[in-house]
Amino acid sequence: MSLTVILGLLFTLAATFVSMALLVRTAFGHVPHAITFLPVPLVLHNLWMSARFVDACLRQFVLTSITPASAMRLLAFVFLAAALCAVGCLYGCVSVVHQLLGGRTARRVRRGAKHLALLYCALLVVGWSAYHFQASTALFTPLRSLLAVVSCPLALATWIWLLVGARSLPDAPWRAAVRRLARSYVVLFSVMTVFTAVRDRLWAAGPALPLVVDVSLVLTYTLITVLWVESAERSAHRAH
């Protein structure tokens, strides 16, 4: 189990670095403007998953050597970082859909999602502060629990929206490329949603199994995005 946690953290961090490099490439490279922020939800998702492995590492190697109160505060900070990354990932998904589809509706949804994300992040920080200073979980725990339940279904809903909305894109090759990406994301996030629902059962079957699945999903998400950006970049170069 210890080796699985360490390897999982290393693989997840490697995927995070790859996704960050892809973000730099799309932000400053010669790629279509519509995919500039495509890696943003990927980066935040990988950071979110990395926090899970950090949590597992802390539980195995660190928490036994410090006082229970300090250990719980340290875990709460990790949970806060993971929750903020999850909220950012969801907003990033909406932003990518807006960037790829455009239009007034997508712009309005993105604006509403931004305000909701900022409010939720502020509540998370307030809830974490209440726990850190007053040992109160009245706000922090329900917010984290709700986020754990709705994050994958909401992300899946954004990619279904992209898949349906891509039908209206005027350029046929670009429409086909966006729909190919959306289909891949819909399948991937459908698997993530199902996995989230059965995670506890997998944990009961074998504590290392959910961690292995987490790594596999992180690597798959990263690979899909990298390969699609490579394909879009080659198509853009041929068009010029």
C-alpha atoms as a PDB file:
ATOM      1  CA  MET A   1       0.000   0.000   0.000  1.00  0.00           C
ATOM      2  CA  SER A   2       2.804   2.427   0.851  1.00  0.00           C
ATOM      3  CA  LEU A   3       4.526   1.798  -2.480  1.00  0.00           C
ATOM      4  CA  THR A   4       1.215   2.249  -4.307  1.00  0.00           C
ATOM      5  CA  VAL A   5       0.647   5.621  -2.645  1.00  0.00           C
ATOM      6  CA  ILE A   6       4.150   6.852  -3.435  1.00  0.00           C
ATOM      7  CA  LEU A   7       4.014   5.693  -7.072  1.00  0.00           C
ATOM      8  CA  GLY A   8       0.524   7.138  -7.450  1.00  0.00           C
ATOM      9  CA  LEU A   9       1.681  10.508  -6.175  1.00  0.00           C
ATOM     10  CA  LEU A  10       4.691  10.482  -8.507  1.00  0.00           C
ATOM     11  CA  PHE A  11       2.622   9.569 -11.575  1.00  0.00           C
ATOM     12  CA  THR A  12      -0.039  12.158 -10.727  1.00  0.00           C
ATOM     13  CA  LEU A  13       2.567  14.877 -10.216  1.00  0.00           C
ATOM     14  CA  ALA A  14       4.173  13.921 -13.542  1.00  0.00           C
ATOM     15  CA  ALA A  15       0.795  14.261 -15.256  1.00  0.00           C
ATOM     16  CA  THR A  16       0.358  17.634 -13.540  1.00  0.00           C
ATOM     17  CA  PHE A  17       3.679  18.891 -14.873  1.00  0.00           C
ATOM     18  CA  VAL A  18       2.769  17.679 -18.375  1.00  0.00           C
ATOM     19  CA  SER A  19      -0.581  19.448 -18.197  1.00  0.00           C
ATOM     20  CA  MET A  20       1.093  22.643 -16.972  1.00  0.00           C
ATOM     21  CA  ALA A  21       3.560  22.467 -19.870  1.00  0.00           C
ATOM     22  CA  LEU A  22       0.618  22.016 -22.233  1.00  0.00           C
ATOM     23  CA  LEU A  23      -1.062  25.078 -20.715  1.00  0.00           C
ATOM     24  CA  VAL A  24       2.067  27.155 -21.332  1.00  0.00           C
ATOM     25  CA  ARG A  25       2.213  25.830 -24.874  1.00  0.00           C
ATOM     26  CA  THR A  26      -1.376  26.711 -25.708  1.00  0.00           C
ATOM     27  CA  ALA A  27      -1.091  30.093 -24.027  1.00  0.00           C
ATOM     28  CA  PHE A  28       2.058  31.164 -25.870  1.00  0.00           C
ATOM     29  CA  GLY A  29       2.326  28.782 -28.822  1.00  0.00           C
ATOM     30  CA  HIS A  30       0.927  28.949 -32.349  1.00  0.00           C
ATOM     31  CA  VAL A  31      -2.338  27.139 -31.743  1.00  0.00           C
ATOM     32  CA  PRO A  32      -5.949  28.137 -32.469  1.00  0.00           C
ATOM     33  CA  HIS A  33      -7.117  30.764 -30.002  1.00  0.00           C
ATOM     34  CA  ALA A  34     -10.184  28.710 -29.115  1.00  0.00           C
ATOM     35  CA  ILE A  35      -8.065  26.092 -27.322  1.00  0.00           C
ATOM     36  CA  THR A  36      -5.908  28.514 -25.337  1.00  0.00           C
ATOM     37  CA  PHE A  37      -7.454  27.550 -21.997  1.00  0.00           C
ATOM     38  CA  LEU A  38      -8.309  23.925 -22.782  1.00  0.00           C
ATOM     39  CA  PRO A  39      -5.611  22.587 -20.379  1.00  0.00           C
ATOM     40  CA  VAL A  40      -6.853  24.719 -17.455  1.00  0.00           C
ATOM     41  CA  PRO A  41      -9.424  22.223 -16.109  1.00  0.00           C
ATOM     42  CA  LEU A  42      -6.910  19.443 -16.752  1.00  0.00           C
ATOM     43  CA  VAL A  43      -4.258  21.161 -14.615  1.00  0.00           C
ATOM     44  CA  LEU A  44      -6.734  21.794 -11.799  1.00  0.00           C
ATOM     45  CA  HIS A  45      -8.113  18.267 -11.986  1.00  0.00           C
ATOM     46  CA  ASN A  46      -4.610  16.798 -11.730  1.00  0.00           C
ATOM     47  CA  LEU A  47      -3.814  19.058  -8.780  1.00  0.00           C
ATOM     48  CA  TRP A  48      -7.065  17.922  -7.182  1.00  0.00           C
ATOM     49  CA  MET A  49      -6.063  14.278  -7.622  1.00  0.00           C
ATOM     50  CA  SER A  50      -2.547  15.026  -6.372  1.00  0.00           C
ATOM     51  CA  ALA A  51      -4.086  16.350  -3.159  1.00  0.00           C
ATOM     52  CA  ARG A  52      -5.748  12.964  -2.665  1.00  0.00           C
ATOM     53  CA  PHE A  53      -2.383  11.224  -2.821  1.00  0.00           C
ATOM     54  CA  VAL A  54      -0.841  13.831  -0.539  1.00  0.00           C
ATOM     55  CA  ASP A  55      -3.643  13.045   1.909  1.00  0.00           C
ATOM     56  CA  ALA A  56      -2.855   9.318   1.670  1.00  0.00           C
ATOM     57  CA  CYS A  57       0.867   9.962   2.161  1.00  0.00           C
ATOM     58  CA  LEU A  58       0.219  12.143   5.182  1.00  0.00           C
ATOM     59  CA  ARG A  59      -1.981   9.502   6.761  1.00  0.00           C
ATOM     60  CA  GLN A  60       0.674   6.827   6.318  1.00  0.00           C
ATOM     61  CA  PHE A  61       3.925   8.630   7.004  1.00  0.00           C
ATOM     62  CA  VAL A  62       3.376  11.915   8.866  1.00  0.00           C
ATOM     63  CA  LEU A  63       0.253  12.073  10.994  1.00  0.00           C
ATOM     64  CA  THR A  64       1.407   9.468  13.483  1.00  0.00           C
ATOM     65  CA  SER A  65       4.390  11.622  14.436  1.00  0.00           C
ATOM     66  CA  ILE A  66       2.461  14.790  15.367  1.00  0.00           C
ATOM     67  CA  THR A  67      -0.339  15.595  17.776  1.00  0.00           C
ATOM     68  CA  PRO A  68      -3.912  14.701  16.711  1.00  0.00           C
ATOM     69  CA  ALA A  69      -5.008  18.344  16.689  1.00  0.00           C
ATOM     70  CA  SER A  70      -2.124  19.395  14.443  1.00  0.00           C
ATOM     71  CA  ALA A  71      -2.717  16.373  12.217  1.00  0.00           C
ATOM     72  CA  MET A  72      -6.373  17.256  11.676  1.00  0.00           C
ATOM     73  CA  ARG A  73      -5.513  20.879  10.894  1.00  0.00           C
ATOM     74  CA  LEU A  74      -2.952  19.721   8.342  1.00  0.00           C
ATOM     75  CA  LEU A  75      -5.481  17.407   6.715  1.00  0.00           C
ATOM     76  CA  ALA A  76      -8.074  20.174   6.677  1.00  0.00           C
ATOM     77  CA  PHE A  77      -5.661  22.397   4.763  1.00  0.00           C
ATOM     78  CA  VAL A  78      -5.100  19.629   2.198  1.00  0.00           C
ATOM     79  CA  PHE A  79      -8.873  19.189   1.911  1.00  0.00           C
ATOM     80  CA  LEU A  80      -9.247  22.936   1.375  1.00  0.00           C
ATOM     81  CA  ALA A  81      -6.645  22.952  -1.408  1.00  0.00           C
ATOM     82  CA  ALA A  82      -8.323  19.957  -3.068  1.00  0.00           C
ATOM     83  CA  ALA A  83     -11.778  21.555  -2.832  1.00  0.00           C
ATOM     84  CA  LEU A  84     -10.569  24.847  -4.317  1.00  0.00           C
ATOM     85  CA  CYS A  85      -8.963  22.950  -7.199  1.00  0.00           C
ATOM     86  CA  ALA A  86     -12.219  21.044  -7.743  1.00  0.00           C
ATOM     87  CA  VAL A  87     -14.248  24.260  -7.920  1.00  0.00           C
ATOM     88  CA  GLY A  88     -11.672  25.773 -10.275  1.00  0.00           C
ATOM     89  CA  CYS A  89     -11.807  22.673 -12.462  1.00  0.00           C
ATOM     90  CA  LEU A  90     -15.584  22.937 -12.804  1.00  0.00           C
ATOM     91  CA  TYR A  91     -15.372  26.608 -13.718  1.00  0.00           C
ATOM     92  CA  GLY A  92     -12.569  25.756 -16.153  1.00  0.00           C
ATOM     93  CA  CYS A  93     -14.830  23.227 -17.890  1.00  0.00           C
ATOM     94  CA  VAL A  94     -17.517  25.887 -18.383  1.00  0.00           C
ATOM     95  CA  SER A  95     -14.885  28.356 -19.626  1.00  0.00           C
ATOM     96  CA  VAL A  96     -13.594  25.850 -22.192  1.00  0.00           C
ATOM     97  CA  VAL A  97     -17.108  25.235 -23.480  1.00  0.00           C
ATOM     98  CA  HIS A  98     -17.634  28.974 -23.810  1.00  0.00           C
ATOM     99  CA  GLN A  99     -14.321  29.380 -25.610  1.00  0.00           C
ATOM    100  CA  LEU A 100     -15.027  26.571 -28.072  1.00  0.00           C
ATOM    101  CA  LEU A 101     -18.682  27.341 -28.746  1.00  0.00           C
ATOM    102  CA  GLY A 102     -18.984  31.069 -28.136  1.00  0.00           C
ATOM    103  CA  GLY A 103     -22.419  32.638 -28.160  1.00  0.00           C
ATOM    104  CA  ARG A 104     -24.515  34.640 -25.723  1.00  0.00           C
ATOM    105  CA  THR A 105     -25.838  31.650 -23.775  1.00  0.00           C
ATOM    106  CA  ALA A 106     -22.388  30.238 -23.088  1.00  0.00           C
ATOM    107  CA  ARG A 107     -21.172  33.688 -22.044  1.00  0.00           C
ATOM    108  CA  ARG A 108     -24.034  34.087 -19.585  1.00  0.00           C
ATOM    109  CA  VAL A 109     -23.516  30.616 -18.139  1.00  0.00           C
ATOM    110  CA  ARG A 110     -19.820  31.316 -17.757  1.00  0.00           C
ATOM    111  CA  ARG A 111     -20.522  34.605 -15.974  1.00  0.00           C
ATOM    112  CA  GLY A 112     -22.956  32.913 -13.605  1.00  0.00           C
ATOM    113  CA  ALA A 113     -20.510  30.070 -12.995  1.00  0.00           C
ATOM    114  CA  LYS A 114     -17.780  32.557 -12.152  1.00  0.00           C
ATOM    115  CA  HIS A 115     -19.862  34.245  -9.463  1.00  0.00           C
ATOM    116  CA  LEU A 116     -21.006  30.896  -8.067  1.00  0.00           C
ATOM    117  CA  ALA A 117     -17.427  29.568  -8.018  1.00  0.00           C
ATOM    118  CA  LEU A 118     -16.146  32.658  -6.223  1.00  0.00           C
ATOM    119  CA  LEU A 119     -18.940  32.409  -3.648  1.00  0.00           C
ATOM    120  CA  TYR A 120     -18.317  28.712  -3.083  1.00  0.00           C
ATOM    121  CA  CYS A 121     -14.561  29.246  -2.706  1.00  0.00           C
ATOM    122  CA  ALA A 122     -15.193  32.038  -0.204  1.00  0.00           C
ATOM    123  CA  LEU A 123     -17.507  29.768   1.806  1.00  0.00           C
ATOM    124  CA  LEU A 124     -14.904  27.004   1.730  1.00  0.00           C
ATOM    125  CA  VAL A 125     -12.257  29.359   3.110  1.00  0.00           C
ATOM    126  CA  VAL A 126     -14.655  30.594   5.804  1.00  0.00           C
ATOM    127  CA  GLY A 127     -15.566  27.008   6.703  1.00  0.00           C
ATOM    128  CA  TRP A 128     -11.920  25.980   6.850  1.00  0.00           C
ATOM    129  CA  SER A 129     -11.122  29.015   9.028  1.00  0.00           C
ATOM    130  CA  ALA A 130     -13.936  28.072  11.419  1.00  0.00           C
ATOM    131  CA  TYR A 131     -12.504  24.575  11.692  1.00  0.00           C
ATOM    132  CA  HIS A 132      -8.898  25.733  12.019  1.00  0.00           C
ATOM    133  CA  PHE A 133      -9.548  28.277  14.743  1.00  0.00           C
ATOM    134  CA  GLN A 134     -12.715  27.000  16.434  1.00  0.00           C
ATOM    135  CA  ALA A 135     -12.792  23.274  15.543  1.00  0.00           C
ATOM    136  CA  SER A 136     -16.217  23.744  13.944  1.00  0.00           C
ATOM    137  CA  THR A 137     -17.083  21.517  10.963  1.00  0.00           C
ATOM    138  CA  ALA A 138     -20.611  22.895  10.600  1.00  0.00           C
ATOM    139  CA  LEU A 139     -19.825  24.615   7.280  1.00  0.00           C
ATOM    140  CA  PHE A 140     -16.653  23.025   5.956  1.00  0.00           C
ATOM    141  CA  THR A 141     -17.713  19.360   5.988  1.00  0.00           C
ATOM    142  CA  PRO A 142     -21.102  19.823   4.205  1.00  0.00           C
ATOM    143  CA  LEU A 143     -19.475  21.974   1.515  1.00  0.00           C
ATOM    144  CA  ARG A 144     -16.758  19.375   0.899  1.00  0.00           C
ATOM    145  CA  SER A 145     -19.275  16.523   0.894  1.00  0.00           C
ATOM    146  CA  LEU A 146     -21.549  18.307  -1.575  1.00  0.00           C
ATOM    147  CA  LEU A 147     -18.624  19.069  -3.855  1.00  0.00           C
ATOM    148  CA  ALA A 148     -17.490  15.445  -3.798  1.00  0.00           C
ATOM    149  CA  VAL A 149     -20.951  14.335  -4.915  1.00  0.00           C
ATOM    150  CA  VAL A 150     -21.654  16.888  -7.661  1.00  0.00           C
ATOM    151  CA  SER A 151     -18.213  17.624  -9.145  1.00  0.00           C
ATOM    152  CA  CYS A 152     -18.001  14.743 -11.646  1.00  0.00           C
ATOM    153  CA  PRO A 153     -21.663  14.926 -12.752  1.00  0.00           C
ATOM    154  CA  LEU A 154     -21.369  18.694 -13.292  1.00  0.00           C
ATOM    155  CA  ALA A 155     -18.152  18.297 -15.286  1.00  0.00           C
ATOM    156  CA  LEU A 156     -19.832  15.558 -17.331  1.00  0.00           C
ATOM    157  CA  ALA A 157     -22.782  17.873 -17.988  1.00  0.00           C
ATOM    158  CA  THR A 158     -20.473  20.563 -19.411  1.00  0.00           C
ATOM    159  CA  TRP A 159     -18.899  18.121 -21.865  1.00  0.00           C
ATOM    160  CA  ILE A 160     -22.335  16.853 -22.932  1.00  0.00           C
ATOM    161  CA  TRP A 161     -23.226  20.495 -23.529  1.00  0.00           C
ATOM    162  CA  LEU A 162     -20.090  20.838 -25.666  1.00  0.00           C
ATOM    163  CA  LEU A 163     -20.950  17.703 -27.632  1.00  0.00           C
ATOM    164  CA  VAL A 164     -24.471  18.916 -28.369  1.00  0.00           C
ATOM    165  CA  GLY A 165     -23.487  22.534 -29.002  1.00  0.00           C
ATOM    166  CA  ALA A 166     -20.685  21.599 -31.396  1.00  0.00           C
ATOM    167  CA  ARG A 167     -23.310  20.697 -33.999  1.00  0.00           C
ATOM    168  CA  SER A 168     -23.837  24.391 -34.656  1.00  0.00           C
ATOM    169  CA  LEU A 169     -20.189  25.210 -35.410  1.00  0.00           C
ATOM    170  CA  PRO A 170     -19.990  26.407 -39.032  1.00  0.00           C
ATOM    171  CA  ASP A 171     -16.572  25.045 -40.037  1.00  0.00           C
ATOM    172  CA  ALA A 172     -16.892  21.312 -40.768  1.00  0.00           C
ATOM    173  CA  PRO A 173     -13.319  20.170 -39.922  1.00  0.00           C
ATOM    174  CA  TRP A 174     -13.300  22.196 -36.706  1.00  0.00           C
ATOM    175  CA  ARG A 175     -16.776  20.915 -35.816  1.00  0.00           C
ATOM    176  CA  ALA A 176     -15.597  17.340 -36.278  1.00  0.00           C
ATOM    177  CA  ALA A 177     -12.504  17.961 -34.132  1.00  0.00           C
ATOM    178  CA  VAL A 178     -14.489  19.547 -31.294  1.00  0.00           C
ATOM    179  CA  ARG A 179     -17.051  16.770 -31.352  1.00  0.00           C
ATOM    180  CA  ARG A 180     -14.271  14.179 -31.223  1.00  0.00           C
ATOM    181  CA  LEU A 181     -12.849  15.876 -28.131  1.00  0.00           C
ATOM    182  CA  ALA A 182     -16.279  16.193 -26.541  1.00  0.00           C
ATOM    183  CA  ARG A 183     -17.083  12.510 -27.134  1.00  0.00           C
ATOM    184  CA  SER A 184     -13.803  11.473 -25.514  1.00  0.00           C
ATOM    185  CA  TYR A 185     -14.473  13.698 -22.512  1.00  0.00           C
ATOM    186  CA  VAL A 186     -18.063  12.466 -22.165  1.00  0.00           C
ATOM    187  CA  VAL A 187     -16.893   8.837 -22.062  1.00  0.00           C
ATOM    188  CA  LEU A 188     -14.055   9.637 -19.643  1.00  0.00           C
ATOM    189  CA  PHE A 189     -16.163  11.673 -17.239  1.00  0.00           C
ATOM    190  CA  SER A 190     -18.953   9.104 -17.376  1.00  0.00           C
ATOM    191  CA  VAL A 191     -16.414   6.564 -16.126  1.00  0.00           C
ATOM    192  CA  MET A 192     -15.275   9.048 -13.456  1.00  0.00           C
ATOM    193  CA  THR A 193     -18.860   9.569 -12.312  1.00  0.00           C
ATOM    194  CA  VAL A 194     -19.488   5.837 -12.004  1.00  0.00           C
ATOM    195  CA  PHE A 195     -16.147   5.360 -10.233  1.00  0.00           C
ATOM    196  CA  THR A 196     -16.997   8.077  -7.713  1.00  0.00           C
ATOM    197  CA  ALA A 197     -20.263   6.298  -6.919  1.00  0.00           C
ATOM    198  CA  VAL A 198     -18.565   2.927  -6.301  1.00  0.00           C
ATOM    199  CA  ARG A 199     -15.301   4.170  -4.795  1.00  0.00           C
ATOM    200  CA  ASP A 200     -16.140   2.998  -1.275  1.00  0.00           C
ATOM    201  CA  ARG A 201     -16.907  -0.502  -2.542  1.00  0.00           C
ATOM    202  CA  LEU A 202     -13.604  -0.630  -4.404  1.00  0.00           C
ATOM    203  CA  TRP A 203     -11.840   0.524  -1.258  1.00  0.00           C
ATOM    204  CA  ALA A 204     -13.430  -2.344   0.659  1.00  0.00           C
ATOM    205  CA  ALA A 205     -12.290  -4.786  -2.044  1.00  0.00           C
ATOM    206  CA  GLY A 206      -8.713  -3.476  -1.872  1.00  0.00           C
ATOM    207  CA  PRO A 207      -7.366  -0.200  -0.444  1.00  0.00           C
ATOM    208  CA  ALA A 208      -4.899   0.188  -3.323  1.00  0.00           C
ATOM    209  CA  LEU A 209      -7.531  -0.293  -6.045  1.00  0.00           C
ATOM    210  CA  PRO A 210      -9.130   3.195  -5.923  1.00  0.00           C
ATOM    211  CA  LEU A 211      -5.673   4.793  -6.025  1.00  0.00           C
ATOM    212  CA  VAL A 212      -4.716   2.772  -9.111  1.00  0.00           C
ATOM    213  CA  VAL A 213      -7.961   3.806 -10.815  1.00  0.00           C
ATOM    214  CA  ASP A 214      -7.314   7.453  -9.876  1.00  0.00           C
ATOM    215  CA  VAL A 215      -3.896   7.342 -11.551  1.00  0.00           C
ATOM    216  CA  SER A 216      -5.316   5.633 -14.641  1.00  0.00           C
ATOM    217  CA  LEU A 217      -8.024   8.282 -15.027  1.00  0.00           C
ATOM    218  CA  VAL A 218      -5.535  11.125 -14.528  1.00  0.00           C
ATOM    219  CA  LEU A 219      -3.197   9.712 -17.167  1.00  0.00           C
ATOM    220  CA  THR A 220      -6.080   9.068 -19.572  1.00  0.00           C
ATOM    221  CA  TYR A 221      -7.421  12.620 -19.189  1.00  0.00           C
ATOM    222  CA  THR A 222      -3.940  14.033 -19.760  1.00  0.00           C
ATOM    223  CA  LEU A 223      -3.274  11.803 -22.776  1.00  0.00           C
ATOM    224  CA  ILE A 224      -6.598  12.642 -24.445  1.00  0.00           C
ATOM    225  CA  THR A 225      -5.995  16.375 -24.072  1.00  0.00           C
ATOM    226  CA  VAL A 226      -2.370  16.310 -25.209  1.00  0.00           C
ATOM    227  CA  LEU A 227      -3.133  14.219 -28.290  1.00  0.00           C
ATOM    228  CA  TRP A 228      -6.090  16.392 -29.247  1.00  0.00           C
ATOM    229  CA  VAL A 229      -4.087  19.603 -28.919  1.00  0.00           C
ATOM    230  CA  GLU A 230      -1.336  18.063 -31.067  1.00  0.00           C
ATOM    231  CA  SER A 231      -3.922  17.184 -33.711  1.00  0.00           C
ATOM    232  CA  ALA A 232      -5.517  20.657 -33.602  1.00  0.00           C
ATOM    233  CA  GLU A 233      -2.109  22.296 -33.886  1.00  0.00           C
ATOM    234  CA  ARG A 234      -1.171  20.221 -36.949  1.00  0.00           C
ATOM    235  CA  SER A 235      -4.499  21.063 -38.575  1.00  0.00           C
ATOM    236  CA  ALA A 236      -3.952  24.767 -37.894  1.00  0.00           C
ATOM    237  CA  HIS A 237      -0.479  24.662 -39.441  1.00  0.00           C
ATOM    238  CA  ARG A 238      -1.794  22.911 -42.554  1.00  0.00           C
ATOM    239  CA  ALA A 239      -4.556  25.517 -42.875  1.00  0.00           C
ATOM    240  CA  HIS A 240      -1.912  28.271 -42.935  1.00  0.00           C
END
